[in-house]
Amino acid sequence: WFMITSLIAVAIGLAIGLITNPGSGTGLTPKDGELSETKGSWIDFLTGIIPTDVITPFTELNVLQIVFMAAVAGIAALKLGDKAQPILTLSQSILELLQKALWWVIRLAPLGTVGLIGYAIADYGWDLIGKY
């Protein structure tokens, strides 16, 4: 069910994007969005997953290394069995806290979107979205 509704949402988004051509009035050129030409190897990628220390992935916002550390911690907790119960209880409490916070974010996101659109209209004028 989730995959079907996501596919429908992506199809609708692509169709609207192709029909309306958003960003055509901004004056950006393709050169503004070019990527760097540096390339890495698979070995560099795989060795880059393993962090050198525990703090650096969080300070550099390296999500892949954070996920790797979480997986290692989860496997270690699984191997500990009943001794890991306090950590699992804490993790469950943190999960419930984050779910409640995200519930509020999801409820307030439309209001923030309206505010951002209003700010863009006030800053750039109606001409930016006037053709829609």
Protein backbone atom coordinates (compact mmCIF):
# COMPACT_ATOMS: atom_id res chain seq x y z
CA TRP A 1 0.00 0.00 0.00
CA PHE A 2 2.75 2.45 0.94
CA MET A 3 4.71 1.70 -2.22
CA ILE A 4 1.68 2.18 -4.45
CA THR A 5 0.72 5.51 -2.88
CA SER A 6 4.35 6.67 -3.04
CA LEU A 7 4.54 5.74 -6.71
CA ILE A 8 1.33 7.67 -7.39
CA ALA A 9 2.67 10.70 -5.49
CA VAL A 10 5.95 10.61 -7.45
CA ALA A 11 4.07 10.33 -10.75
CA ILE A 12 1.84 13.29 -9.86
CA GLY A 13 4.86 15.33 -8.78
CA LEU A 14 6.77 14.57 -11.98
CA ALA A 15 3.75 15.35 -14.14
CA ILE A 16 3.17 18.70 -12.44
CA GLY A 17 6.88 19.50 -12.66
CA LEU A 18 7.00 18.74 -16.37
CA ILE A 19 3.84 20.70 -17.08
CA THR A 20 4.64 23.82 -15.03
CA ASN A 21 8.46 23.84 -15.50
CA PRO A 22 9.20 25.38 -12.08
CA GLY A 23 12.26 27.57 -11.76
CA SER A 24 12.25 28.66 -15.39
CA GLY A 25 11.92 32.32 -14.38
CA THR A 26 14.77 32.34 -11.87
CA GLY A 27 17.64 32.94 -14.29
CA LEU A 28 19.75 30.02 -13.09
CA THR A 29 21.98 28.38 -15.66
CA PRO A 30 22.95 24.69 -15.74
CA LYS A 31 26.54 25.67 -14.90
CA ASP A 32 25.34 26.94 -11.49
CA GLY A 33 24.37 23.41 -10.50
CA GLU A 34 27.35 21.45 -11.82
CA LEU A 35 28.90 18.76 -9.68
CA SER A 36 32.58 18.37 -9.07
CA GLU A 37 34.48 15.97 -11.29
CA THR A 38 36.15 14.07 -8.44
CA LYS A 39 35.50 10.35 -8.40
CA GLY A 40 36.15 7.78 -5.72
CA SER A 41 36.63 4.04 -5.79
CA TRP A 42 34.55 1.34 -4.13
CA ILE A 43 37.36 0.69 -1.66
CA ASP A 44 37.31 4.36 -0.61
CA PHE A 45 33.54 4.15 -0.23
CA LEU A 46 33.63 0.99 1.88
CA THR A 47 36.47 2.20 4.11
CA GLY A 48 34.68 5.54 4.46
CA ILE A 49 31.71 3.80 6.10
CA ILE A 50 33.79 2.83 9.14
CA PRO A 51 34.38 5.90 11.32
CA THR A 52 37.78 6.66 12.82
CA ASP A 53 36.20 7.66 16.14
CA VAL A 54 32.77 7.96 17.74
CA ILE A 55 32.43 11.77 17.69
CA THR A 56 33.49 12.70 14.14
CA PRO A 57 30.46 11.27 12.27
CA PHE A 58 28.16 13.44 14.38
CA THR A 59 30.23 16.61 14.03
CA GLU A 60 30.63 16.16 10.27
CA LEU A 61 27.02 14.93 9.82
CA ASN A 62 28.16 11.76 8.05
CA VAL A 63 24.88 9.83 8.05
CA LEU A 64 26.32 6.62 6.61
CA GLN A 65 28.87 6.35 9.42
CA ILE A 66 26.17 7.12 12.01
CA VAL A 67 23.98 4.34 10.58
CA PHE A 68 26.96 1.96 10.64
CA MET A 69 27.62 2.75 14.32
CA ALA A 70 23.92 2.29 15.11
CA ALA A 71 23.93 -1.10 13.40
CA VAL A 72 27.03 -2.18 15.33
CA ALA A 73 25.46 -1.00 18.60
CA GLY A 74 22.23 -2.85 17.76
CA ILE A 75 24.06 -6.08 17.01
CA ALA A 76 26.05 -5.73 20.24
CA ALA A 77 22.83 -5.16 22.22
CA LEU A 78 21.31 -8.22 20.58
CA LYS A 79 24.30 -10.34 21.57
CA LEU A 80 24.14 -9.09 25.18
CA GLY A 81 20.62 -10.41 25.65
CA ASP A 82 18.98 -9.49 28.98
CA LYS A 83 21.93 -7.34 30.06
CA ALA A 84 21.02 -4.84 27.33
CA GLN A 85 17.44 -4.36 28.61
CA PRO A 86 18.11 -0.92 30.24
CA ILE A 87 19.55 0.38 26.96
CA LEU A 88 16.60 -1.02 25.02
CA THR A 89 14.16 0.62 27.45
CA LEU A 90 15.98 3.94 27.06
CA SER A 91 15.93 3.55 23.27
CA GLN A 92 12.18 2.87 23.35
CA SER A 93 11.59 6.00 25.45
CA ILE A 94 13.69 8.12 23.08
CA LEU A 95 11.80 6.66 20.11
CA GLU A 96 8.44 7.61 21.64
CA LEU A 97 9.75 11.11 22.40
CA LEU A 98 10.96 11.60 18.83
CA GLN A 99 7.71 10.25 17.41
CA LYS A 100 5.73 12.79 19.43
CA ALA A 101 8.05 15.61 18.30
CA LEU A 102 7.73 14.51 14.66
CA TRP A 103 3.96 14.38 15.05
CA TRP A 104 4.03 18.09 15.91
CA VAL A 105 6.40 18.86 13.04
CA ILE A 106 4.12 17.07 10.59
CA ARG A 107 1.11 18.96 11.90
CA LEU A 108 2.88 22.35 11.68
CA ALA A 109 4.68 21.78 8.35
CA PRO A 110 1.82 23.16 6.20
CA LEU A 111 1.85 26.37 8.23
CA GLY A 112 5.60 26.67 7.70
CA THR A 113 5.17 26.06 3.98
CA VAL A 114 2.62 28.86 3.74
CA GLY A 115 5.04 31.12 5.61
CA LEU A 116 7.90 30.28 3.24
CA ILE A 117 5.73 30.90 0.20
CA GLY A 118 4.60 34.21 1.69
CA TYR A 119 8.21 35.18 2.37
CA ALA A 120 9.22 34.30 -1.20
CA ILE A 121 6.35 36.35 -2.61
CA ALA A 122 7.25 39.30 -0.38
CA ASP A 123 10.93 39.05 -1.30
CA TYR A 124 10.73 38.29 -5.04
CA GLY A 125 7.25 39.50 -5.94
CA TRP A 126 4.34 37.82 -7.63
CA ASP A 127 6.23 37.54 -10.93
CA LEU A 128 8.11 34.48 -9.72
CA ILE A 129 4.95 32.41 -9.32
CA GLY A 130 2.57 34.55 -11.36
CA LYS A 131 2.68 32.30 -14.43
CA TYR A 132 1.17 29.40 -12.48
